[in-house]
Protein backbone atom coordinates (compact mmCIF):
# COMPACT_ATOMS: atom_id res chain seq x y z
CA MET A 1 -16.08 -57.10 100.35
CA ALA A 2 -15.35 -58.75 97.17
CA TYR A 3 -17.76 -58.57 93.80
CA ALA A 4 -17.24 -59.18 90.07
CA VAL A 5 -18.28 -57.29 87.13
CA TYR A 6 -19.19 -59.37 84.36
CA GLY A 7 -21.59 -59.20 81.32
CA TYR A 8 -21.80 -59.63 77.37
CA VAL A 9 -20.62 -57.53 74.55
CA LYS A 10 -23.30 -58.09 71.79
CA ASP A 11 -23.95 -56.57 68.36
CA SER A 12 -27.13 -54.64 67.29
CA SER A 13 -28.59 -58.03 66.20
CA GLY A 14 -28.02 -59.35 69.76
CA ASN A 15 -25.40 -61.78 69.06
CA GLY A 16 -22.04 -62.08 71.09
CA VAL A 17 -18.81 -60.46 69.77
CA GLU A 18 -15.87 -62.51 70.49
CA GLY A 19 -12.45 -60.37 70.94
CA VAL A 20 -13.66 -57.08 72.28
CA LYS A 21 -11.07 -55.77 74.82
CA ILE A 22 -12.53 -54.42 77.99
CA LEU A 23 -10.32 -51.96 79.90
CA PRO A 24 -11.77 -50.80 83.33
CA TYR A 25 -11.08 -47.55 84.79
CA PHE A 26 -12.00 -46.46 88.24
CA ASN A 27 -12.63 -42.87 89.55
CA LYS A 28 -11.74 -42.59 93.29
CA VAL A 29 -13.58 -39.57 94.75
CA ASP A 30 -12.14 -40.31 98.26
CA SER A 31 -8.72 -38.31 98.41
CA GLY A 32 -7.73 -40.48 101.18
CA SER A 33 -7.34 -43.79 99.15
CA ASP A 34 -5.42 -44.66 95.95
CA PRO A 35 -6.08 -42.22 93.19
CA SER A 36 -8.01 -43.21 90.07
CA LYS A 37 -6.48 -45.29 87.55
CA TRP A 38 -6.77 -47.65 84.67
CA SER A 39 -6.83 -51.61 85.31
CA ASP A 40 -3.46 -53.30 84.56
CA VAL A 41 -5.34 -55.97 82.88
CA VAL A 42 -7.27 -55.75 79.53
CA TYR A 43 -10.15 -58.40 79.45
CA THR A 44 -11.35 -60.04 76.34
CA THR A 45 -14.76 -61.35 75.59
CA ASP A 46 -15.18 -65.02 74.71
CA SER A 47 -16.75 -66.45 71.76
CA SER A 48 -20.19 -65.64 73.24
CA GLY A 49 -19.21 -62.32 73.93
CA TYR A 50 -18.98 -62.74 77.84
CA TYR A 51 -16.48 -61.19 79.90
CA SER A 52 -15.81 -60.80 83.61
CA TYR A 53 -13.39 -59.27 86.18
CA SER A 54 -13.03 -58.40 89.93
CA PRO A 55 -11.74 -55.10 90.72
CA GLU A 56 -10.22 -56.53 93.67
CA ASP A 57 -8.41 -59.04 92.23
CA ASN A 58 -6.50 -56.44 90.31
CA ASN A 59 -6.12 -54.27 93.23
CA LEU A 60 -7.94 -51.60 91.46
CA LEU A 61 -9.52 -50.28 94.75
CA GLY A 62 -6.10 -50.52 96.28
CA SER A 63 -5.16 -51.11 99.90
CA GLU A 64 -5.56 -47.59 100.87
CA GLY A 65 -9.12 -46.47 101.61
CA VAL A 66 -12.12 -47.77 100.42
CA TYR A 67 -14.09 -47.08 97.22
CA LYS A 68 -17.60 -45.87 98.05
CA LYS A 69 -20.51 -47.46 96.86
CA ASP A 70 -22.75 -45.11 95.00
CA SER A 71 -20.37 -42.43 95.00
CA ASP A 72 -17.11 -43.61 93.40
CA ARG A 73 -17.35 -44.48 89.87
CA PHE A 74 -15.92 -46.87 87.43
CA TYR A 75 -15.72 -46.95 83.51
CA VAL A 76 -15.51 -49.57 80.94
CA ALA A 77 -13.95 -48.84 77.93
CA CYS A 78 -14.61 -51.35 75.11
CA SER A 79 -12.35 -51.63 72.03
CA TYR A 80 -11.55 -54.16 69.35
CA ASP A 81 -7.86 -53.42 69.20
CA GLY A 82 -4.92 -52.35 71.39
CA ASP A 83 -4.28 -52.63 75.03
CA LYS A 84 -4.13 -50.15 77.90
CA ASP A 85 -1.01 -48.35 76.38
CA ALA A 86 -2.34 -48.41 72.94
CA LEU A 87 -6.30 -48.35 72.81
CA ASP A 88 -7.53 -47.80 69.43
CA ILE A 89 -10.27 -45.40 70.96
CA THR A 90 -11.88 -45.04 67.37
CA HIS A 91 -14.17 -48.02 68.42
CA ALA A 92 -14.41 -47.36 72.13
CA MET A 93 -17.48 -46.63 74.17
CA PHE A 94 -17.07 -45.52 77.79
CA HIS A 95 -19.77 -46.53 80.35
CA ALA A 96 -20.18 -44.83 83.52
CA HIS A 97 -21.37 -46.65 86.69
CA THR A 98 -21.61 -46.44 90.31
CA ILE A 99 -19.92 -49.13 92.43
CA PRO A 100 -22.56 -51.69 92.93
CA ASN A 101 -24.10 -52.84 96.09
CA ALA A 102 -24.15 -56.22 95.30
CA ASP A 103 -21.35 -58.52 95.10
CA ASP A 104 -21.77 -59.41 91.46
CA SER A 105 -22.88 -56.83 88.90
CA GLU A 106 -23.70 -57.54 85.27
CA ILE A 107 -22.77 -55.08 82.39
CA ASN A 108 -23.99 -56.00 78.94
CA ILE A 109 -22.94 -53.72 76.30
CA THR A 110 -24.01 -53.33 72.75
CA LEU A 111 -21.47 -52.19 70.12
CA VAL A 112 -22.52 -49.43 67.96
CA ALA A 113 -21.54 -48.63 64.59
CA LYS A 114 -18.22 -46.58 64.00
CA HIS A 115 -18.87 -42.92 63.91
CA SER A 116 -16.72 -40.79 61.66
CA PRO A 117 -16.87 -36.91 60.78
CA ILE A 118 -19.34 -36.11 58.25
CA ILE A 119 -18.46 -33.80 55.22
CA ASN A 120 -21.46 -31.60 54.59
CA SER A 121 -19.98 -30.11 51.42
CA SER A 122 -16.70 -30.20 49.74
CA VAL A 123 -15.16 -28.32 46.52
CA LEU A 124 -12.30 -29.71 44.37
CA PRO A 125 -11.00 -28.28 41.26
CA SER A 126 -11.38 -30.23 37.84
CA THR A 127 -9.78 -33.23 36.83
CA ASP A 128 -7.83 -31.36 34.44
CA LEU A 129 -5.25 -28.91 35.90
CA LEU A 130 -2.30 -26.91 34.58
CA THR A 131 0.89 -26.14 36.10
CA GLN A 132 1.49 -22.43 37.54
CA HIS A 133 -1.98 -22.03 38.39
CA SER A 134 -3.55 -21.87 41.80
CA TYR A 135 -6.13 -24.32 42.89
CA THR A 136 -8.13 -24.65 45.73
CA MET A 137 -10.10 -27.31 47.82
CA SER A 138 -12.26 -26.67 50.66
CA GLU A 139 -14.38 -28.53 53.11
CA ASN A 140 -17.27 -28.03 55.45
CA SER A 141 -17.75 -30.79 58.17
CA TYR A 142 -19.10 -31.78 61.44
CA ILE A 143 -19.05 -34.47 63.98
CA ASP A 144 -22.43 -36.37 65.06
CA THR A 145 -22.48 -36.24 68.57
CA SER A 146 -26.10 -37.27 69.27
CA TRP A 147 -25.37 -41.11 69.75
CA ASN A 148 -25.56 -42.97 73.06
CA SER A 149 -24.73 -46.75 73.88
CA PRO A 150 -26.85 -48.85 76.28
CA SER A 151 -25.62 -48.75 79.56
CA TYR A 152 -26.31 -50.07 83.29
CA GLY A 153 -26.51 -47.37 85.59
CA GLU A 154 -25.80 -43.84 83.86
CA PRO A 155 -25.54 -43.01 80.18
CA THR A 156 -22.56 -43.18 78.06
CA SER A 157 -20.00 -40.51 78.40
CA GLN A 158 -18.42 -39.25 75.41
CA LYS A 159 -16.12 -36.78 77.23
CA PHE A 160 -14.17 -38.36 79.87
CA ILE A 161 -12.32 -35.84 82.18
CA TYR A 162 -10.24 -36.50 85.41
CA ASP A 163 -9.03 -33.42 87.62
CA LEU A 164 -9.87 -31.28 84.68
CA VAL A 165 -7.59 -33.47 82.51
CA ASP A 166 -9.16 -34.95 79.13
CA ILE A 167 -8.70 -38.62 79.35
CA PHE A 168 -11.15 -39.11 76.53
CA ASP A 169 -12.54 -36.15 74.59
CA GLY A 170 -14.87 -37.90 72.39
CA HIS A 171 -15.42 -37.65 68.80
CA GLN A 172 -14.23 -33.90 68.22
CA LEU A 173 -12.69 -32.41 64.68
CA ILE A 174 -9.07 -31.68 64.60
CA ASP A 175 -7.34 -30.08 61.46
CA THR A 176 -8.12 -31.12 58.14
CA VAL A 177 -5.41 -32.94 55.83
CA TYR A 178 -5.24 -31.76 52.27
CA THR A 179 -3.22 -33.99 50.14
CA TRP A 180 -1.97 -32.29 46.49
CA GLY A 181 0.00 -35.54 45.57
CA GLU A 182 3.13 -33.47 44.31
CA ILE A 183 4.16 -32.44 47.98
CA ALA A 184 3.77 -33.80 51.21
CA ASP A 185 0.27 -33.41 53.20
CA ARG A 186 -0.48 -30.12 54.64
CA THR A 187 -2.83 -29.48 57.45
CA VAL A 188 -5.32 -26.55 57.74
CA THR A 189 -8.00 -25.80 60.30
CA ASN A 190 -11.07 -27.83 59.72
CA ASN A 191 -13.93 -26.01 58.02
CA THR A 192 -11.59 -24.06 55.83
CA SER A 193 -9.62 -24.47 52.70
CA ASP A 194 -6.42 -24.92 51.11
CA SER A 195 -4.74 -23.47 47.85
CA TYR A 196 -1.78 -24.99 45.74
CA THR A 197 0.10 -24.44 42.69
CA PHE A 198 1.46 -27.48 40.74
CA GLU A 199 4.96 -26.99 39.39
CA ILE A 200 5.48 -30.48 37.57
CA ALA A 201 2.86 -32.16 35.35
CA GLY A 202 1.98 -35.53 36.10
CA ASP A 203 -1.12 -37.65 37.37
CA TYR A 204 -2.10 -37.04 40.99
CA THR A 205 -4.73 -37.95 43.47
CA ILE A 206 -5.92 -35.00 45.49
CA LYS A 207 -7.81 -35.59 48.79
CA ILE A 208 -9.39 -33.98 51.73
CA THR A 209 -9.15 -35.80 55.09
CA VAL A 210 -11.63 -34.71 57.63
CA ARG A 211 -10.34 -36.07 61.10
CA GLU A 212 -11.44 -36.20 64.57
CA LYS A 213 -9.13 -36.37 67.72
CA TRP A 214 -8.87 -39.96 67.73
CA ASP A 215 -8.14 -40.55 64.23
CA THR A 216 -11.43 -41.29 63.13
CA TYR A 217 -11.54 -39.53 59.55
CA THR A 218 -13.55 -39.14 56.24
CA GLU A 219 -12.08 -38.47 52.97
CA VAL A 220 -13.02 -37.24 49.56
CA THR A 221 -10.61 -37.68 46.64
CA GLN A 222 -10.29 -37.09 43.26
CA ASP A 223 -7.73 -38.18 40.50
CA VAL A 224 -6.37 -35.11 38.35
CA ARG A 225 -4.04 -34.81 35.60
CA VAL A 226 -1.77 -31.81 35.53
CA LYS A 227 -0.19 -30.64 32.40
CA TYR A 228 2.34 -27.95 31.47
CA ASN A 229 0.95 -24.84 29.88
CA GLU A 230 0.56 -24.25 26.29
CA PRO A 231 3.44 -21.56 25.33
CA THR A 232 2.21 -18.05 24.35
CA MET A 233 3.50 -17.60 20.81
CA ASP A 234 4.55 -14.00 19.51
CA PHE A 235 7.38 -12.52 17.46
CA TYR A 236 8.47 -9.20 16.01
CA TRP A 237 11.09 -7.74 13.57
CA THR A 238 13.61 -5.08 13.47
CA PRO A 239 13.73 -2.59 11.96
CA THR A 240 10.07 -1.98 11.87
CA GLU A 241 10.09 0.89 9.77
CA THR A 242 12.30 2.99 7.29
CA SER A 243 12.22 6.66 6.82
CA ASP A 244 8.64 6.81 5.44
CA GLY A 245 7.23 4.02 7.73
CA LYS A 246 7.73 1.13 5.28
CA ILE A 247 10.42 -1.72 4.89
CA LYS A 248 12.10 -1.46 1.71
CA GLY A 249 14.24 -3.42 -0.56
CA ALA A 250 17.06 -5.77 0.55
CA GLU A 251 17.21 -4.15 4.03
CA GLU A 252 18.48 -6.87 6.43
CA ILE A 253 15.55 -7.86 8.75
CA THR A 254 16.04 -9.51 12.19
CA PHE A 255 13.40 -11.66 13.62
CA ASN A 256 13.07 -11.85 17.53
CA ASN A 257 11.26 -14.56 19.45
CA LEU A 258 8.82 -13.39 21.90
CA VAL A 259 7.43 -16.77 23.34
CA VAL A 260 6.16 -16.72 26.77
CA ASP A 261 6.53 -19.75 28.68
CA VAL A 262 5.18 -19.55 32.47
CA ASP A 263 6.71 -23.04 32.87
CA ASP A 264 10.32 -21.67 32.06
CA ARG A 265 11.04 -24.79 29.73
CA THR A 266 12.00 -22.95 26.76
CA SER A 267 15.66 -23.12 27.04
CA THR A 268 15.44 -27.13 27.69
CA GLU A 269 12.31 -28.73 26.37
CA TYR A 270 11.25 -26.90 23.24
CA THR A 271 12.05 -26.66 19.52
CA PHE A 272 11.38 -23.59 17.57
CA LYS A 273 11.20 -23.51 13.71
CA TRP A 274 11.12 -20.33 11.71
CA GLU A 275 9.82 -20.21 8.25
CA ILE A 276 10.31 -17.18 6.26
CA GLU A 277 8.42 -16.80 2.70
CA ASP A 278 10.19 -14.93 -0.10
CA THR A 279 10.65 -15.17 -3.90
CA ASN A 280 13.52 -13.87 -6.26
CA GLN A 281 13.16 -11.63 -8.76
CA ASP A 282 12.67 -14.29 -11.42
CA GLY A 283 9.92 -15.49 -9.32
CA SER A 284 11.92 -18.85 -7.87
CA ASP A 285 11.35 -19.55 -4.37
CA ASN A 286 13.80 -18.01 -1.70
CA SER A 287 12.14 -18.96 1.59
CA ASP A 288 14.24 -19.70 4.46
CA THR A 289 13.64 -22.52 7.35
CA HIS A 290 15.68 -22.25 10.52
CA THR A 291 15.36 -24.61 13.34
CA ALA A 292 16.75 -24.13 16.91
CA LYS A 293 16.32 -25.33 20.46
CA ASP A 294 17.19 -21.72 21.81
CA SER A 295 14.27 -19.22 22.16
CA THR A 296 16.68 -16.49 21.73
CA PHE A 297 17.74 -17.48 18.23
CA SER A 298 16.84 -14.61 15.99
CA PRO A 299 17.28 -15.25 12.23
CA THR A 300 17.77 -12.60 9.68
CA LYS A 301 16.68 -12.15 6.13
CA GLN A 302 17.24 -9.94 3.23
CA PHE A 303 13.93 -10.26 1.03
CA GLN A 304 14.67 -10.57 -2.65
CA SER A 305 11.19 -9.03 -3.92
CA ALA A 306 8.48 -6.81 -3.07
CA GLY A 307 5.18 -8.06 -1.54
CA SER A 308 3.36 -9.43 1.34
CA LYS A 309 5.68 -12.11 2.95
CA THR A 310 4.31 -14.83 5.71
CA VAL A 311 6.31 -15.55 8.63
CA THR A 312 5.72 -18.36 10.83
CA LEU A 313 7.05 -19.50 14.13
CA THR A 314 6.54 -22.92 15.23
CA CYS A 315 7.05 -24.24 18.78
CA TYR A 316 7.26 -28.02 19.48
CA TRP A 317 6.64 -28.68 22.91
CA ASN A 318 5.46 -31.33 25.43
CA ASP A 319 2.73 -30.66 28.06
CA GLY A 320 3.98 -33.49 30.07
CA PHE A 321 1.79 -36.30 28.28
CA ASP A 322 1.72 -35.65 24.42
CA ASP A 323 4.15 -34.17 21.96
CA LEU A 324 2.23 -30.84 20.62
CA GLU A 325 3.00 -28.01 18.44
CA VAL A 326 1.56 -24.26 18.39
CA SER A 327 2.46 -21.70 15.58
CA ILE A 328 1.98 -18.15 14.89
CA SER A 329 2.11 -16.45 11.37
CA LYS A 330 2.40 -12.64 10.59
CA GLU A 331 2.55 -10.76 7.42
CA ILE A 332 5.40 -8.68 6.68
CA VAL A 333 5.11 -6.24 3.52
CA ILE A 334 8.32 -5.46 1.77
CA GLU A 335 8.11 -2.31 -0.54
CA ALA A 336 10.17 -1.37 -3.21
CA TYR A 337 11.78 1.83 -3.24
CA THR A 338 9.91 4.42 -5.32
CA ILE A 339 10.33 8.25 -6.41
CA GLU A 340 8.25 10.63 -7.73
CA PRO A 341 9.92 12.60 -10.61
CA GLU A 342 9.26 15.98 -11.42
CA PHE A 343 10.20 19.16 -13.05
CA THR A 344 9.27 22.68 -13.69
CA TRP A 345 8.99 24.65 -17.05
CA ASN A 346 7.69 27.99 -18.64
CA ASN A 347 5.53 28.32 -21.34
CA PRO A 348 6.87 29.89 -24.73
CA ILE A 349 5.13 32.73 -26.54
CA ASP A 350 6.78 32.48 -29.85
CA ARG A 351 10.03 30.68 -31.33
CA ASP A 352 12.42 33.00 -29.63
CA THR A 353 11.23 32.08 -26.26
CA VAL A 354 13.86 30.22 -24.09
CA VAL A 355 12.21 27.35 -22.31
CA THR A 356 13.90 26.13 -19.26
CA MET A 357 13.02 22.60 -17.80
CA THR A 358 14.44 22.16 -14.45
CA ASP A 359 14.33 18.82 -12.43
CA THR A 360 12.71 19.10 -8.99
CA THR A 361 12.64 15.44 -8.30
CA VAL A 362 12.91 14.65 -4.38
CA ASP A 363 15.04 11.64 -3.78
CA THR A 364 14.83 10.92 0.29
CA ASP A 365 16.53 7.83 -0.04
CA ASN A 366 19.35 8.94 -2.26
CA ARG A 367 18.15 6.15 -4.92
CA VAL A 368 18.44 8.15 -7.96
CA SER A 369 21.36 7.53 -10.47
CA GLY A 370 20.32 9.54 -13.51
CA ILE A 371 18.12 11.96 -15.13
CA LYS A 372 16.80 12.34 -18.76
CA ILE A 373 14.63 14.76 -20.32
CA TYR A 374 13.12 14.41 -23.71
CA THR A 375 10.81 16.93 -25.55
CA ASN A 376 9.01 16.57 -29.28
CA ASP A 377 8.96 19.21 -31.38
CA TYR A 378 7.90 18.88 -35.04
CA TYR A 379 7.10 21.79 -37.26
CA ASP A 380 6.82 23.01 -40.88
CA MET A 381 7.13 26.55 -42.46
CA TYR A 382 10.21 27.02 -40.44
CA ASN A 383 11.89 28.71 -43.25
CA PRO A 384 9.54 30.80 -45.76
CA ASP A 385 12.06 31.22 -48.12
CA SER A 386 12.93 27.74 -48.59
CA SER A 387 11.59 25.91 -51.63
CA ASP A 388 10.09 23.01 -49.23
CA TYR A 389 8.21 25.78 -47.17
CA GLY A 390 4.95 24.60 -46.18
CA ASN A 391 5.67 21.15 -47.98
CA SER A 392 8.05 19.52 -45.48
CA GLU A 393 8.25 18.79 -41.66
CA VAL A 394 11.10 19.56 -39.68
CA ASP A 395 11.92 17.40 -36.62
CA ASN A 396 13.10 19.34 -33.87
CA THR A 397 12.88 16.72 -31.24
CA GLU A 398 15.60 16.88 -28.56
CA SER A 399 16.57 14.82 -25.56
CA TRP A 400 19.35 15.48 -22.64
CA THR A 401 20.97 12.61 -20.91
CA GLY A 402 23.88 12.21 -18.20
CA LEU A 403 21.70 14.83 -15.99
CA VAL A 404 21.81 14.77 -12.29
CA LEU A 405 19.00 15.90 -9.72
CA GLY A 406 18.43 19.55 -10.20
CA ASP A 407 19.84 20.08 -13.57
CA ALA A 408 17.98 22.42 -15.99
CA VAL A 409 18.02 22.30 -19.98
CA ILE A 410 16.85 24.87 -22.42
CA HIS A 411 15.04 24.61 -25.69
CA LYS A 412 13.31 26.82 -28.34
CA TYR A 413 10.16 25.37 -29.68
CA GLN A 414 9.12 25.80 -33.24
CA SER A 415 5.59 25.35 -33.50
CA GLU A 416 2.64 26.30 -31.32
CA ALA A 417 1.24 22.84 -31.21
CA ALA A 418 1.12 21.01 -27.71
CA HIS A 419 4.32 19.34 -27.05
CA GLU A 420 5.17 16.48 -24.66
CA ILE A 421 8.11 16.98 -22.07
CA LYS A 422 9.27 13.68 -20.55
CA LEU A 423 11.62 13.40 -17.43
CA VAL A 424 13.01 9.85 -16.76
CA ALA A 425 14.63 9.17 -13.60
CA THR A 426 16.88 6.18 -13.31
CA TYR A 427 16.94 4.61 -9.63
CA ASN A 428 17.55 1.37 -7.80
CA ASP A 429 14.26 -0.02 -6.32
CA GLY A 430 16.30 -2.06 -3.98
CA TRP A 431 17.03 -4.95 -6.04
CA LYS A 432 17.63 -3.38 -9.60
CA ASP A 433 17.65 -0.23 -11.63
CA VAL A 434 14.51 0.75 -12.91
CA ASP A 435 13.22 3.79 -14.94
CA GLN A 436 10.36 6.27 -13.72
CA GLU A 437 8.97 8.75 -15.65
CA ILE A 438 6.59 11.74 -15.79
CA ILE A 439 5.10 13.69 -18.76
CA HIS A 440 3.62 16.94 -18.56
CA ASN A 441 2.08 18.65 -21.74
CA LEU A 442 3.55 22.09 -22.73
CA VAL A 443 0.96 24.23 -24.45
CA PRO A 444 2.51 27.38 -26.09
CA THR A 445 0.89 30.71 -26.09
CA HIS A 446 0.96 33.26 -29.04
CA HIS A 447 1.02 37.00 -29.88
CA GLU A 448 -2.08 38.16 -31.07
CA LEU A 449 -2.91 41.49 -33.13
CA THR A 450 -6.38 42.76 -33.29
CA ALA A 451 -7.39 44.79 -36.40
CA LEU A 452 -9.31 47.76 -35.66
CA ILE A 453 -10.57 50.76 -37.65
CA ALA A 454 -10.47 54.31 -36.32
CA GLN A 455 -12.86 56.16 -38.23
CA ASP A 456 -12.54 59.85 -39.46
CA PRO A 457 -12.52 62.05 -36.60
CA ALA A 458 -13.95 65.00 -38.80
CA ASN A 459 -16.77 62.68 -39.72
CA PRO A 460 -17.53 60.11 -36.77
CA THR A 461 -20.93 59.02 -37.95
CA LEU A 462 -19.41 58.02 -41.25
CA LYS A 463 -22.01 59.91 -43.34
CA CYS A 464 -20.79 60.01 -46.77
CA TYR A 465 -21.68 63.00 -48.96
CA GLY A 466 -21.12 63.33 -52.55
CA GLN A 467 -17.65 62.24 -53.63
CA ASN A 468 -15.92 63.73 -50.58
CA GLU A 469 -12.89 61.86 -49.57
CA TYR A 470 -13.03 60.09 -46.20
CA THR A 471 -10.06 58.71 -44.01
CA TRP A 472 -10.09 55.47 -42.02
CA VAL A 473 -7.09 54.85 -39.93
CA ASN A 474 -5.53 51.33 -39.05
CA ALA A 475 -5.80 51.31 -35.37
CA SER A 476 -4.74 47.68 -34.96
CA VAL A 477 -3.39 46.71 -31.51
CA THR A 478 -1.43 43.64 -30.35
CA VAL A 479 -1.77 41.18 -27.26
CA ASN A 480 1.27 39.96 -25.67
CA GLY A 481 3.43 42.92 -26.97
CA ASP A 482 4.65 43.73 -30.42
CA ALA A 483 8.10 44.71 -29.86
CA GLU A 484 9.25 43.38 -33.00
CA ASN A 485 6.80 44.70 -35.34
CA ARG A 486 4.77 41.64 -36.12
CA GLN A 487 2.37 43.34 -38.73
CA ILE A 488 3.20 42.24 -42.10
CA ASP A 489 0.67 43.88 -44.33
CA CYS A 490 -2.92 44.62 -44.41
CA ARG A 491 -6.06 45.01 -46.83
CA TRP A 492 -8.70 47.43 -46.93
CA ASN A 493 -11.84 46.52 -48.52
CA TRP A 494 -14.62 49.32 -49.27
CA GLN A 495 -18.16 48.38 -50.28
CA ASP A 496 -19.75 50.68 -52.81
CA ARG A 497 -21.95 50.64 -56.18
CA GLU A 498 -21.34 51.58 -59.65
CA GLU A 499 -23.21 54.32 -61.55
CA ASP A 500 -25.47 51.48 -62.96
CA GLY A 501 -26.28 50.51 -59.49
CA SER A 502 -24.33 47.32 -59.46
CA GLU A 503 -22.35 46.60 -56.15
CA HIS A 504 -18.79 47.01 -56.06
CA LEU A 505 -16.05 46.37 -53.82
CA THR A 506 -12.78 48.25 -53.66
CA THR A 507 -9.71 46.77 -52.41
CA ARG A 508 -6.42 48.02 -51.35
CA GLU A 509 -3.81 45.33 -50.44
CA GLY A 510 -0.19 44.16 -50.53
CA VAL A 511 1.16 47.34 -49.06
CA LEU A 512 2.43 47.51 -45.22
CA TRP A 513 0.63 50.20 -43.42
CA ASP A 514 1.60 50.69 -40.01
CA ALA A 515 -0.52 51.09 -37.19
CA ASN A 516 -2.36 54.52 -36.93
CA GLN A 517 -1.77 55.11 -40.68
CA GLY A 518 -4.67 56.54 -42.47
CA PHE A 519 -6.02 55.73 -45.72
CA THR A 520 -8.64 57.98 -47.64
CA PHE A 521 -11.27 56.61 -50.05
CA GLN A 522 -13.71 58.73 -52.28
CA TYR A 523 -16.99 56.95 -53.01
CA PRO A 524 -17.59 57.36 -56.66
CA SER A 525 -21.10 56.38 -56.72
CA ARG A 526 -23.79 58.97 -56.70
CA LYS A 527 -26.48 56.32 -55.81
CA PRO A 528 -28.29 57.10 -52.57
CA TYR A 529 -27.43 55.15 -49.51
CA SER A 530 -29.34 54.38 -46.51
CA ALA A 531 -28.51 53.09 -43.01
CA VAL A 532 -30.98 50.41 -43.50
CA ASP A 533 -29.96 47.67 -46.05
CA GLY A 534 -32.68 46.78 -48.57
CA ALA A 535 -34.51 50.17 -47.91
CA VAL A 536 -36.37 51.92 -50.61
CA ASP A 537 -34.55 53.43 -53.51
CA GLY A 538 -31.88 50.71 -53.26
CA ASN A 539 -30.06 52.42 -50.58
CA PHE A 540 -27.50 49.87 -48.83
CA ASN A 541 -24.74 50.02 -46.08
CA LYS A 542 -21.23 50.78 -47.00
CA ASP A 543 -19.00 48.44 -44.81
CA VAL A 544 -15.37 49.34 -44.42
CA GLU A 545 -13.14 46.31 -43.46
CA LEU A 546 -9.63 46.30 -42.43
CA VAL A 547 -7.68 42.78 -42.81
CA VAL A 548 -4.18 42.79 -41.07
CA ARG A 549 -1.62 39.71 -41.60
CA TYR A 550 0.93 39.27 -38.98
CA ASP A 551 3.50 36.96 -37.51
CA ASN A 552 1.82 35.39 -34.17
CA GLY A 553 5.41 34.21 -33.17
CA TRP A 554 4.73 30.67 -34.86
CA ASN A 555 2.77 31.23 -38.10
CA ASP A 556 1.52 34.03 -40.31
CA VAL A 557 -2.31 34.75 -39.37
CA THR A 558 -4.92 37.12 -40.49
CA HIS A 559 -7.32 39.33 -38.39
CA ALA A 560 -10.27 41.16 -39.95
CA ASN A 561 -12.43 43.98 -38.60
CA THR A 562 -15.42 45.66 -40.10
CA ALA A 563 -16.32 49.20 -39.25
CA VAL A 564 -19.74 50.14 -38.21
CA ALA A 565 -21.78 50.30 -41.34
CA ALA A 566 -21.22 53.81 -43.24
CA GLU A 567 -24.29 55.30 -44.70
CA GLY A 568 -23.57 57.09 -47.96
CA SER A 569 -25.97 59.82 -49.09
CA PRO A 570 -26.07 62.65 -51.61
CA TYR A 571 -25.95 66.44 -50.38
CA GLU A 572 -29.38 67.60 -49.28
CA VAL A 573 -30.81 71.11 -49.65
CA THR A 574 -33.31 71.38 -47.31
CA ASP A 575 -35.88 74.18 -46.46
CA ARG A 576 -39.17 73.86 -44.22
CA THR A 577 -41.07 72.50 -47.10
CA ILE A 578 -39.01 70.47 -49.41
CA THR A 579 -35.93 68.25 -49.78
CA TYR A 580 -34.89 67.32 -53.26
CA GLU A 581 -31.79 66.02 -55.03
CA CYS A 582 -30.15 66.76 -58.40
CA ASN A 583 -28.58 64.48 -60.60
CA ILE A 584 -26.82 65.92 -63.60
CA ASP A 585 -24.71 63.57 -65.82
CA GLY A 586 -21.12 64.05 -65.27
CA HIS A 587 -21.46 65.99 -62.05
CA THR A 588 -22.60 65.27 -58.32
CA HIS A 589 -23.98 68.09 -56.53
CA GLY A 590 -25.87 68.39 -53.51
């Protein structure tokens, strides 16, 4: 029985579509006949969208066996492009039908829109990227499998299987393609991500392509600019310290480049400039500038003055698009060498004391070239026998030069005034010789003698009766020793009254009395005395004073001491009822 299949292909508006390829496929369920197979002929719709074909004319049903109506099926694939060997299945739709009973069957097909994968979400890096950094693109997508095409007989099949072998697997996602621009495309399982690190700067288009099995795809693209990384600048210098932690003098300093470039372009693409600030001793500029292509270049510098110096390292580089520069500056402090001169001395007690001044300067850096010591010493009365005694000033200032560290000098001072001792150390501060001085005040001490009166041991209360003689002893003592018998002379002063009642002072002086030598004095007055000054009858206290003149090691000085007031009284005759006194001219009675 012969029959024909015909119909129209129309668009969604009902208009016929010309040039649609019709490719039949027959599925034989009867194993005794020819196997299922595609048509050998591709049919094309005319200008009105009409197509027709006869399966028997093309021997689709074959000579063996008979395709069974109502059980065997045939399928129609509609495509804009291709043929049976190269069918552009991206636009194909499959329609399943049973073999019609009628001799003629009409199958009208309405084309539906192309169905591409749907990207539900995607992540792309920013448009400005850097080399040597890992960037990630990701996507989440799916296929819309909910559509059907109008058909005659049964619904459209989106999955065509024969003998468990996929002939058409419908719209199913396959590997996603990630395009980075710098390298070939990379495929990754769909609904996942891919990461990449750019090596070369440039403008690139990065793209995510979500595909289905028959090359229907959806893309997300982005133009990016990838730049080289800015180099990280740093440098250091050696030596970083001297013995006391400071960089001193004109020591040679080496500066070392510590630039870090993750793109490893320092040796070929970059230029470095060193700027090292400095001034000479006279204030003129002594700065240095060095330019080098090699990052390992290490300039050296001997600074010619102390102070804080600015050192700047500049890198001239290109990020792949623009010429740029980046700098780093650091302060390096250059110090002059310094020393702290010092010395010891002993304080003199007199002109005969030998004063030793010893240099104790510490010169850790071995910079001292010489030591000088100065001391001032002016005095008068140096020679009491001189006609200029007390009227002239003698200069006894002394200085010592050409000394070395640790040397000692001696001097005998001739006055007890405060004296300055100055030590001057000459040393090199790293560029020039300078003098550093230290001054200490030397304050001499002196001998002291204290005049003391030892009263008459037989009359410890010093009651003076009549004209008896009474003895006082010079008991003067010295401080700091008196080995040279520094006492020169002394003077005694006795307070008394004349017969007429007038006050009288008796003095004995000009004679050297050694310590512990006694002196006897007889009070001539018969006037009554009282221990209370100004008491009735004109009584008064008799004071005894000892004035000692001595050499204190520098000058003649005096020290005076007054004994406890002596009470002068006449003799008294006492009984139980009366006390009297008798005063007869020319005689003193008690």
